[in-house]
Amino acid sequence: MSSQAPATATTVEEYTSAKSLVNLRKQLKYIVIGSVLTWYFQVPAHLTDALSLGIRTNWEARIAVIALSLLAATLLIFAHVILLPARGHAPDYLRWKEDVHLRSAIPALTLCIIAGFLSLLLTLSPLGAPAPPGSSLSTRLTQAATTAGSNLNSASRGVQQLASEAVKSLGLTSASNPSGSPKLLDSLFSRSPSSASSQSLLDTLHLDSLESLANRLGVSAGRADELSKAFAQLSSRAEDWAQGNVRAIGWTGALLASTGVYLLLFGGVGLLGFLAPDRAALAAGSKKKQF
């Protein structure tokens, strides 16, 4: 961290240099590039999706909270440092170790930037982001079952059996629908007015209880409620993804998105510092006039 602090101080010095058009263009460029990257890679939607899992039970949501907390800390410390001249102080950014206002703020800012960027990158990356919700009922049932303790093979086999029974319930033959038609489940389920509810799911599958569904998917009866909650959560997320046209962004997208967020932050605070009055310079100028 100490090796990075001088670079941070130099960067801050650039933000608080003479209020020229070059400096203004730089801040606006950061804001535009950061805004485009943040919008294109749907950062708010992905963060909201991670937080929706709940911080008590999901580490992905906890990482998202850490990333947002460090982002907020970076914003506050950076704004504090940038706006020192507006509050009448004349900090020496290049000799920050000797400045009473900077010797603790610069290392803290450096730590927040590094840790915040890395945690945001992890949150948005395939490693830290929650798996995208399945767009089909069969996929979401399989995902919910594995979340509730079933293995993938048992869950997939159970879904196929439920699909086959749905085919038979409509009087279709296996010859007319040889695959068991998991897509048929989606067609039946979409007709329900409350497609994310457990009762709607049971009615669609002609089952009398959550325990029966759990048993068919290889989940123990004691975790039937967990299965139901996981399925409802996946259905809600799938609806949000569909409505917002959310897409997975991968490692490259996560890196560019994280860069965009911090460019937007730096540009916004830099613009604020550009527009704020430099009371320290005004005070120094008035003293020179007196002499």
Protein backbone atom coordinates (compact mmCIF):
# COMPACT_ATOMS: atom_id res chain seq x y z
CA MET A 1 0.00 0.00 0.00
CA SER A 2 2.81 2.44 0.88
CA SER A 3 4.38 2.00 -2.56
CA GLN A 4 1.11 3.00 -4.20
CA ALA A 5 0.44 6.04 -2.02
CA PRO A 6 2.84 8.44 -3.86
CA ALA A 7 1.09 7.60 -7.13
CA THR A 8 -2.25 8.37 -5.48
CA ALA A 9 -0.93 11.69 -4.21
CA THR A 10 0.35 12.58 -7.69
CA THR A 11 -3.02 11.76 -9.19
CA VAL A 12 -4.79 13.95 -6.63
CA GLU A 13 -2.36 16.75 -7.45
CA GLU A 14 -3.43 16.52 -11.09
CA TYR A 15 -7.09 16.74 -10.09
CA THR A 16 -6.47 19.89 -8.08
CA SER A 17 -4.12 21.61 -10.53
CA ALA A 18 -4.93 24.88 -12.25
CA LYS A 19 -8.57 25.05 -13.32
CA SER A 20 -7.89 24.93 -17.03
CA LEU A 21 -10.05 23.72 -19.89
CA VAL A 22 -7.66 20.77 -20.22
CA ASN A 23 -8.48 19.67 -16.67
CA LEU A 24 -12.20 20.15 -17.28
CA ARG A 25 -12.06 18.05 -20.46
CA LYS A 26 -10.25 15.33 -18.55
CA GLN A 27 -12.95 15.09 -15.89
CA LEU A 28 -15.73 15.12 -18.49
CA LYS A 29 -13.94 12.41 -20.47
CA TYR A 30 -13.73 10.21 -17.36
CA ILE A 31 -17.42 10.78 -16.67
CA VAL A 32 -18.49 9.95 -20.22
CA ILE A 33 -16.30 6.83 -20.55
CA GLY A 34 -17.23 5.64 -17.06
CA SER A 35 -20.94 6.20 -17.65
CA VAL A 36 -20.90 4.32 -20.96
CA LEU A 37 -19.05 1.33 -19.50
CA THR A 38 -21.25 1.26 -16.39
CA TRP A 39 -24.41 1.41 -18.52
CA TYR A 40 -23.30 -1.01 -21.22
CA PHE A 41 -22.25 -3.71 -18.78
CA GLN A 42 -25.37 -3.18 -16.61
CA VAL A 43 -23.47 -2.73 -13.35
CA PRO A 44 -26.50 -1.62 -11.27
CA ALA A 45 -28.53 -4.62 -12.46
CA HIS A 46 -25.76 -7.09 -11.62
CA LEU A 47 -25.17 -5.58 -8.19
CA THR A 48 -28.89 -5.61 -7.45
CA ASP A 49 -29.06 -9.24 -8.58
CA ALA A 50 -26.23 -10.24 -6.23
CA LEU A 51 -27.74 -8.35 -3.29
CA SER A 52 -31.15 -9.98 -3.89
CA LEU A 53 -29.71 -13.31 -2.76
CA GLY A 54 -29.43 -12.05 0.83
CA ILE A 55 -26.21 -11.40 2.75
CA ARG A 56 -27.04 -13.91 5.50
CA THR A 57 -26.84 -16.97 3.31
CA ASN A 58 -24.90 -16.03 0.17
CA TRP A 59 -21.26 -15.04 -0.01
CA GLU A 60 -21.85 -13.41 -3.41
CA ALA A 61 -24.13 -10.87 -1.72
CA ARG A 62 -21.56 -10.26 1.02
CA ILE A 63 -18.84 -9.53 -1.55
CA ALA A 64 -21.21 -7.10 -3.27
CA VAL A 65 -21.81 -5.30 0.04
CA ILE A 66 -18.05 -5.07 0.64
CA ALA A 67 -17.50 -3.71 -2.89
CA LEU A 68 -20.21 -1.06 -2.44
CA SER A 69 -18.90 -0.11 1.01
CA LEU A 70 -15.37 0.38 -0.30
CA LEU A 71 -16.73 2.33 -3.26
CA ALA A 72 -18.57 4.65 -0.87
CA ALA A 73 -15.45 4.99 1.31
CA THR A 74 -13.38 5.87 -1.77
CA LEU A 75 -15.93 8.50 -2.76
CA LEU A 76 -15.95 10.10 0.69
CA ILE A 77 -12.17 10.12 1.20
CA PHE A 78 -11.47 11.30 -2.35
CA ALA A 79 -14.02 14.10 -2.03
CA HIS A 80 -12.50 15.08 1.34
CA VAL A 81 -9.03 15.29 -0.19
CA ILE A 82 -10.10 17.06 -3.39
CA LEU A 83 -12.19 19.66 -1.55
CA LEU A 84 -9.51 20.67 0.97
CA PRO A 85 -8.72 23.88 -0.98
CA ALA A 86 -12.43 24.74 -1.06
CA ARG A 87 -12.44 24.61 2.74
CA GLY A 88 -9.57 27.07 2.99
CA HIS A 89 -6.66 24.63 3.34
CA ALA A 90 -3.57 24.63 1.13
CA PRO A 91 -2.43 20.98 1.16
CA ASP A 92 0.88 19.92 -0.36
CA TYR A 93 -0.15 16.82 -2.30
CA LEU A 94 3.38 15.94 -3.39
CA ARG A 95 4.69 16.11 0.19
CA TRP A 96 1.63 14.38 1.61
CA LYS A 97 3.57 12.61 4.36
CA GLU A 98 4.33 16.00 5.95
CA ASP A 99 0.80 17.37 5.56
CA VAL A 100 -1.48 16.99 8.56
CA HIS A 101 -4.54 16.65 6.33
CA LEU A 102 -3.05 14.10 3.93
CA ARG A 103 -0.68 11.79 5.77
CA SER A 104 -3.49 9.47 6.83
CA ALA A 105 -5.98 10.25 4.06
CA ILE A 106 -3.71 9.31 1.12
CA PRO A 107 -2.86 5.78 2.38
CA ALA A 108 -6.51 5.20 3.28
CA LEU A 109 -7.60 6.37 -0.17
CA THR A 110 -5.03 4.11 -1.83
CA LEU A 111 -6.20 1.10 0.16
CA CYS A 112 -9.87 1.78 -0.61
CA ILE A 113 -9.22 2.18 -4.33
CA ILE A 114 -7.24 -1.05 -4.64
CA ALA A 115 -9.44 -3.17 -2.39
CA GLY A 116 -12.63 -1.63 -3.76
CA PHE A 117 -11.69 -2.20 -7.39
CA LEU A 118 -10.66 -5.81 -6.76
CA SER A 119 -13.80 -6.61 -4.76
CA LEU A 120 -16.01 -5.02 -7.43
CA LEU A 121 -14.18 -7.00 -10.11
CA LEU A 122 -14.78 -10.20 -8.12
CA THR A 123 -18.45 -9.32 -7.62
CA LEU A 124 -19.06 -8.85 -11.34
CA SER A 125 -16.85 -11.71 -12.54
CA PRO A 126 -17.99 -15.30 -13.21
CA LEU A 127 -16.15 -16.30 -10.04
CA GLY A 128 -18.11 -14.03 -7.72
CA ALA A 129 -21.35 -13.29 -9.54
CA PRO A 130 -24.36 -15.56 -8.89
CA ALA A 131 -25.07 -18.02 -11.67
CA PRO A 132 -27.56 -16.61 -14.19
CA PRO A 133 -31.10 -17.87 -13.50
CA GLY A 134 -32.38 -20.44 -15.96
CA SER A 135 -34.73 -19.07 -18.57
CA SER A 136 -36.77 -22.29 -18.60
CA LEU A 137 -38.78 -23.94 -15.84
CA SER A 138 -36.86 -27.18 -16.19
CA THR A 139 -33.53 -25.39 -15.72
CA ARG A 140 -34.76 -23.44 -12.70
CA LEU A 141 -36.15 -26.63 -11.10
CA THR A 142 -32.77 -28.30 -11.59
CA GLN A 143 -30.93 -25.29 -10.15
CA ALA A 144 -33.26 -25.10 -7.14
CA ALA A 145 -32.90 -28.82 -6.48
CA THR A 146 -29.10 -28.67 -6.51
CA THR A 147 -29.24 -25.64 -4.20
CA ALA A 148 -31.37 -27.67 -1.79
CA GLY A 149 -28.91 -30.57 -1.70
CA SER A 150 -29.71 -32.79 -4.67
CA ASN A 151 -27.01 -33.83 -7.11
CA LEU A 152 -27.22 -32.71 -10.72
CA ASN A 153 -27.97 -36.16 -12.14
CA SER A 154 -30.84 -36.86 -9.75
CA ALA A 155 -32.32 -33.42 -10.28
CA SER A 156 -32.10 -33.64 -14.07
CA ARG A 157 -33.59 -37.13 -14.08
CA GLY A 158 -36.43 -35.98 -11.84
CA VAL A 159 -37.21 -33.03 -14.10
CA GLN A 160 -37.28 -35.33 -17.13
CA GLN A 161 -39.73 -37.66 -15.36
CA LEU A 162 -41.98 -34.74 -14.41
CA ALA A 163 -41.89 -33.55 -18.02
CA SER A 164 -42.85 -37.04 -19.26
CA GLU A 165 -45.78 -37.15 -16.85
CA ALA A 166 -46.88 -33.71 -18.05
CA VAL A 167 -46.91 -35.08 -21.60
CA LYS A 168 -49.03 -38.04 -20.55
CA SER A 169 -51.45 -35.84 -18.61
CA LEU A 170 -52.28 -34.05 -21.87
CA GLY A 171 -52.91 -37.31 -23.66
CA LEU A 172 -49.78 -37.12 -25.76
CA THR A 173 -47.68 -40.15 -26.56
CA SER A 174 -43.97 -40.52 -26.21
CA ALA A 175 -43.78 -41.00 -29.97
CA SER A 176 -45.25 -37.56 -30.58
CA ASN A 177 -42.93 -36.07 -27.98
CA PRO A 178 -39.98 -38.40 -27.57
CA SER A 179 -37.81 -36.08 -25.48
CA GLY A 180 -40.26 -35.78 -22.60
CA SER A 181 -40.61 -32.14 -23.68
CA PRO A 182 -39.24 -30.04 -20.80
CA LYS A 183 -40.38 -27.09 -22.91
CA LEU A 184 -43.93 -28.28 -22.36
CA LEU A 185 -43.50 -27.52 -18.66
CA ASP A 186 -42.68 -23.93 -19.53
CA SER A 187 -45.76 -23.70 -21.72
CA LEU A 188 -48.02 -25.06 -18.97
CA PHE A 189 -46.38 -23.00 -16.25
CA SER A 190 -46.63 -19.72 -18.19
CA ARG A 191 -50.44 -20.01 -18.13
CA SER A 192 -50.47 -19.67 -14.35
CA PRO A 193 -51.27 -16.16 -12.98
CA SER A 194 -48.64 -16.60 -10.28
CA SER A 195 -45.91 -18.62 -11.90
CA ALA A 196 -43.37 -18.17 -9.07
CA SER A 197 -45.61 -19.53 -6.31
CA SER A 198 -45.11 -23.01 -4.88
CA GLN A 199 -48.79 -23.88 -5.17
CA SER A 200 -48.84 -22.90 -8.83
CA LEU A 201 -45.84 -25.14 -9.44
CA LEU A 202 -47.48 -28.07 -7.64
CA ASP A 203 -50.71 -27.60 -9.57
CA THR A 204 -48.86 -27.52 -12.86
CA LEU A 205 -46.99 -30.74 -12.02
CA HIS A 206 -50.06 -32.45 -10.48
CA LEU A 207 -48.32 -32.95 -7.13
CA ASP A 208 -50.00 -32.68 -3.73
CA SER A 209 -47.15 -31.34 -1.58
CA LEU A 210 -43.68 -29.81 -1.58
CA GLU A 211 -42.37 -33.00 -0.03
CA SER A 212 -43.56 -34.95 -3.08
CA LEU A 213 -41.77 -32.52 -5.37
CA ALA A 214 -38.61 -32.70 -3.27
CA ASN A 215 -38.68 -36.49 -3.36
CA ARG A 216 -39.02 -36.50 -7.16
CA LEU A 217 -36.00 -34.22 -7.51
CA GLY A 218 -33.72 -36.06 -5.09
CA VAL A 219 -34.11 -33.55 -2.24
CA SER A 220 -34.77 -34.70 1.31
CA ALA A 221 -38.24 -33.93 2.68
CA GLY A 222 -36.73 -31.80 5.43
CA ARG A 223 -35.36 -29.38 2.84
CA ALA A 224 -38.58 -29.03 0.84
CA ASP A 225 -39.09 -25.46 2.04
CA GLU A 226 -35.54 -24.62 0.97
CA LEU A 227 -36.32 -26.05 -2.46
CA SER A 228 -39.45 -23.89 -2.67
CA LYS A 229 -37.63 -20.72 -1.64
CA ALA A 230 -34.77 -21.39 -4.07
CA PHE A 231 -37.20 -21.92 -6.93
CA ALA A 232 -39.17 -18.75 -6.09
CA GLN A 233 -35.95 -16.75 -5.92
CA LEU A 234 -34.72 -18.11 -9.25
CA SER A 235 -38.09 -17.37 -10.87
CA SER A 236 -38.04 -13.80 -9.55
CA ARG A 237 -34.47 -13.29 -10.79
CA ALA A 238 -35.34 -14.80 -14.18
CA GLU A 239 -38.21 -12.34 -14.51
CA ASP A 240 -35.94 -9.41 -13.60
CA TRP A 241 -33.30 -10.56 -16.09
CA ALA A 242 -35.89 -10.90 -18.84
CA GLN A 243 -37.47 -7.50 -18.15
CA GLY A 244 -34.12 -5.71 -17.96
CA ASN A 245 -32.54 -7.73 -20.77
CA VAL A 246 -29.69 -8.51 -18.37
CA ARG A 247 -26.83 -10.64 -19.70
CA ALA A 248 -23.75 -12.30 -18.24
CA ILE A 249 -20.62 -10.20 -18.90
CA GLY A 250 -17.69 -12.56 -18.27
CA TRP A 251 -14.23 -11.61 -17.04
CA THR A 252 -13.55 -9.03 -19.76
CA GLY A 253 -16.87 -7.34 -19.10
CA ALA A 254 -16.26 -7.39 -15.35
CA LEU A 255 -12.86 -5.74 -15.79
CA LEU A 256 -14.20 -3.04 -18.11
CA ALA A 257 -17.28 -2.49 -15.92
CA SER A 258 -15.18 -2.08 -12.76
CA THR A 259 -12.89 0.33 -14.57
CA GLY A 260 -15.91 2.28 -15.76
CA VAL A 261 -17.35 2.60 -12.25
CA TYR A 262 -14.13 4.03 -10.86
CA LEU A 263 -13.60 6.33 -13.85
CA LEU A 264 -17.08 7.68 -13.24
CA LEU A 265 -16.28 8.20 -9.57
CA PHE A 266 -12.95 9.93 -10.27
CA GLY A 267 -14.45 12.12 -12.96
CA GLY A 268 -17.45 13.10 -10.83
CA VAL A 269 -15.38 14.05 -7.80
CA GLY A 270 -12.79 15.74 -10.01
CA LEU A 271 -15.51 17.84 -11.63
CA LEU A 272 -16.81 18.75 -8.18
CA GLY A 273 -13.32 19.89 -7.21
CA PHE A 274 -13.03 21.86 -10.45
CA LEU A 275 -16.27 23.72 -9.80
CA ALA A 276 -15.66 24.35 -6.09
CA PRO A 277 -14.08 27.69 -5.17
CA ASP A 278 -10.41 27.55 -4.14
CA ARG A 279 -10.62 29.49 -0.89
CA ALA A 280 -6.96 28.82 -0.08
CA ALA A 281 -5.81 30.44 -3.33
CA LEU A 282 -8.19 33.37 -2.86
CA ALA A 283 -6.88 33.92 0.65
CA ALA A 284 -3.28 33.80 -0.56
CA GLY A 285 -4.11 36.25 -3.35
CA SER A 286 -5.72 38.72 -0.97
CA LYS A 287 -2.69 38.64 1.31
CA LYS A 288 -0.38 39.46 -1.62
CA LYS A 289 -2.56 42.44 -2.52
CA GLN A 290 -2.27 43.76 1.03
CA PHE A 291 1.47 43.79 0.72
